[in-house]
Amino acid sequence: MRFLKFAGRVLRSAVSFAGATVPALLRDGTGLAGAIAIAYGSWLIYVPAGYIVGGVLLIIFAILTAPRSQA
């Protein structure tokens, strides 16, 4: 009986953790797929533009995710 209580607590904890992380992972994955689609679409139009757009998107991502300075 103690094992079932323990298993229930572990399962409840795992579901709680998954419920908190899955939406964030889904949002990040969707954003990454969109960035790849934009870079690939520009690459289809003009090959060097695909590399330029991909680089610009990476720079924007780096700026947005950089830690903020407390000045």
C-alpha atoms as a PDB file:
ATOM      1  CA  MET A   1       0.000   0.000   0.000  1.00  0.00           C
ATOM      2  CA  ARG A   2       2.865   2.373   0.760  1.00  0.00           C
ATOM      3  CA  PHE A   3       4.243   1.741  -2.706  1.00  0.00           C
ATOM      4  CA  LEU A   4       0.985   2.851  -4.292  1.00  0.00           C
ATOM      5  CA  LYS A   5       0.986   6.089  -2.296  1.00  0.00           C
ATOM      6  CA  PHE A   6       4.595   6.710  -3.290  1.00  0.00           C
ATOM      7  CA  ALA A   7       3.847   5.932  -6.945  1.00  0.00           C
ATOM      8  CA  GLY A   8       0.871   8.301  -6.825  1.00  0.00           C
ATOM      9  CA  ARG A   9       3.020  11.138  -5.456  1.00  0.00           C
ATOM     10  CA  VAL A  10       5.709  10.523  -8.073  1.00  0.00           C
ATOM     11  CA  LEU A  11       3.159  10.416 -10.883  1.00  0.00           C
ATOM     12  CA  ARG A  12       1.437  13.572  -9.636  1.00  0.00           C
ATOM     13  CA  SER A  13       4.814  15.324  -9.486  1.00  0.00           C
ATOM     14  CA  ALA A  14       5.754  14.166 -12.996  1.00  0.00           C
ATOM     15  CA  VAL A  15       2.431  15.318 -14.465  1.00  0.00           C
ATOM     16  CA  SER A  16       2.781  18.673 -12.727  1.00  0.00           C
ATOM     17  CA  PHE A  17       6.310  19.112 -14.106  1.00  0.00           C
ATOM     18  CA  ALA A  18       5.236  18.104 -17.620  1.00  0.00           C
ATOM     19  CA  GLY A  19       2.270  20.468 -17.471  1.00  0.00           C
ATOM     20  CA  ALA A  20       4.603  23.332 -16.634  1.00  0.00           C
ATOM     21  CA  THR A  21       7.289  22.617 -19.240  1.00  0.00           C
ATOM     22  CA  VAL A  22       5.386  21.344 -22.287  1.00  0.00           C
ATOM     23  CA  PRO A  23       3.756  24.701 -23.195  1.00  0.00           C
ATOM     24  CA  ALA A  24       7.128  26.463 -23.047  1.00  0.00           C
ATOM     25  CA  LEU A  25       8.777  23.781 -25.187  1.00  0.00           C
ATOM     26  CA  LEU A  26       5.912  23.893 -27.658  1.00  0.00           C
ATOM     27  CA  ARG A  27       6.169  27.690 -27.911  1.00  0.00           C
ATOM     28  CA  ASP A  28       9.933  27.539 -28.436  1.00  0.00           C
ATOM     29  CA  GLY A  29       9.639  24.765 -30.997  1.00  0.00           C
ATOM     30  CA  THR A  30       7.011  26.689 -32.935  1.00  0.00           C
ATOM     31  CA  GLY A  31       9.193  29.796 -32.954  1.00  0.00           C
ATOM     32  CA  LEU A  32      12.204  27.798 -34.135  1.00  0.00           C
ATOM     33  CA  ALA A  33      10.165  26.189 -36.912  1.00  0.00           C
ATOM     34  CA  GLY A  34       8.947  29.614 -38.012  1.00  0.00           C
ATOM     35  CA  ALA A  35      12.481  30.999 -38.130  1.00  0.00           C
ATOM     36  CA  ILE A  36      13.631  28.003 -40.167  1.00  0.00           C
ATOM     37  CA  ALA A  37      10.706  28.427 -42.558  1.00  0.00           C
ATOM     38  CA  ILE A  38      11.513  32.114 -43.082  1.00  0.00           C
ATOM     39  CA  ALA A  39      15.201  31.405 -43.733  1.00  0.00           C
ATOM     40  CA  TYR A  40      14.381  28.501 -46.059  1.00  0.00           C
ATOM     41  CA  GLY A  41      11.813  30.544 -47.971  1.00  0.00           C
ATOM     42  CA  SER A  42      14.277  33.348 -48.556  1.00  0.00           C
ATOM     43  CA  TRP A  43      16.884  30.743 -49.575  1.00  0.00           C
ATOM     44  CA  LEU A  44      14.474  29.471 -52.243  1.00  0.00           C
ATOM     45  CA  ILE A  45      14.158  32.971 -53.655  1.00  0.00           C
ATOM     46  CA  TYR A  46      17.877  33.831 -53.560  1.00  0.00           C
ATOM     47  CA  VAL A  47      20.423  31.457 -52.017  1.00  0.00           C
ATOM     48  CA  PRO A  48      22.665  34.048 -50.262  1.00  0.00           C
ATOM     49  CA  ALA A  49      19.567  35.717 -48.805  1.00  0.00           C
ATOM     50  CA  GLY A  50      18.805  32.510 -46.913  1.00  0.00           C
ATOM     51  CA  TYR A  51      22.129  32.693 -45.091  1.00  0.00           C
ATOM     52  CA  ILE A  52      21.714  36.403 -44.412  1.00  0.00           C
ATOM     53  CA  VAL A  53      18.185  36.000 -43.038  1.00  0.00           C
ATOM     54  CA  GLY A  54      19.250  32.993 -40.958  1.00  0.00           C
ATOM     55  CA  GLY A  55      22.149  34.972 -39.476  1.00  0.00           C
ATOM     56  CA  VAL A  56      19.940  37.961 -38.702  1.00  0.00           C
ATOM     57  CA  LEU A  57      17.400  35.714 -36.971  1.00  0.00           C
ATOM     58  CA  LEU A  58      20.181  34.156 -34.868  1.00  0.00           C
ATOM     59  CA  ILE A  59      21.479  37.597 -33.881  1.00  0.00           C
ATOM     60  CA  ILE A  60      17.975  38.713 -32.901  1.00  0.00           C
ATOM     61  CA  PHE A  61      17.525  35.531 -30.850  1.00  0.00           C
ATOM     62  CA  ALA A  62      20.861  36.116 -29.094  1.00  0.00           C
ATOM     63  CA  ILE A  63      19.922  39.706 -28.233  1.00  0.00           C
ATOM     64  CA  LEU A  64      16.465  38.759 -26.957  1.00  0.00           C
ATOM     65  CA  THR A  65      17.770  35.926 -24.758  1.00  0.00           C
ATOM     66  CA  ALA A  66      20.819  37.768 -23.386  1.00  0.00           C
ATOM     67  CA  PRO A  67      20.736  38.500 -19.663  1.00  0.00           C
ATOM     68  CA  ARG A  68      19.654  42.006 -18.785  1.00  0.00           C
ATOM     69  CA  SER A  69      22.180  44.215 -17.021  1.00  0.00           C
ATOM     70  CA  GLN A  70      21.052  45.873 -13.796  1.00  0.00           C
ATOM     71  CA  ALA A  71      22.472  49.347 -14.290  1.00  0.00           C
END
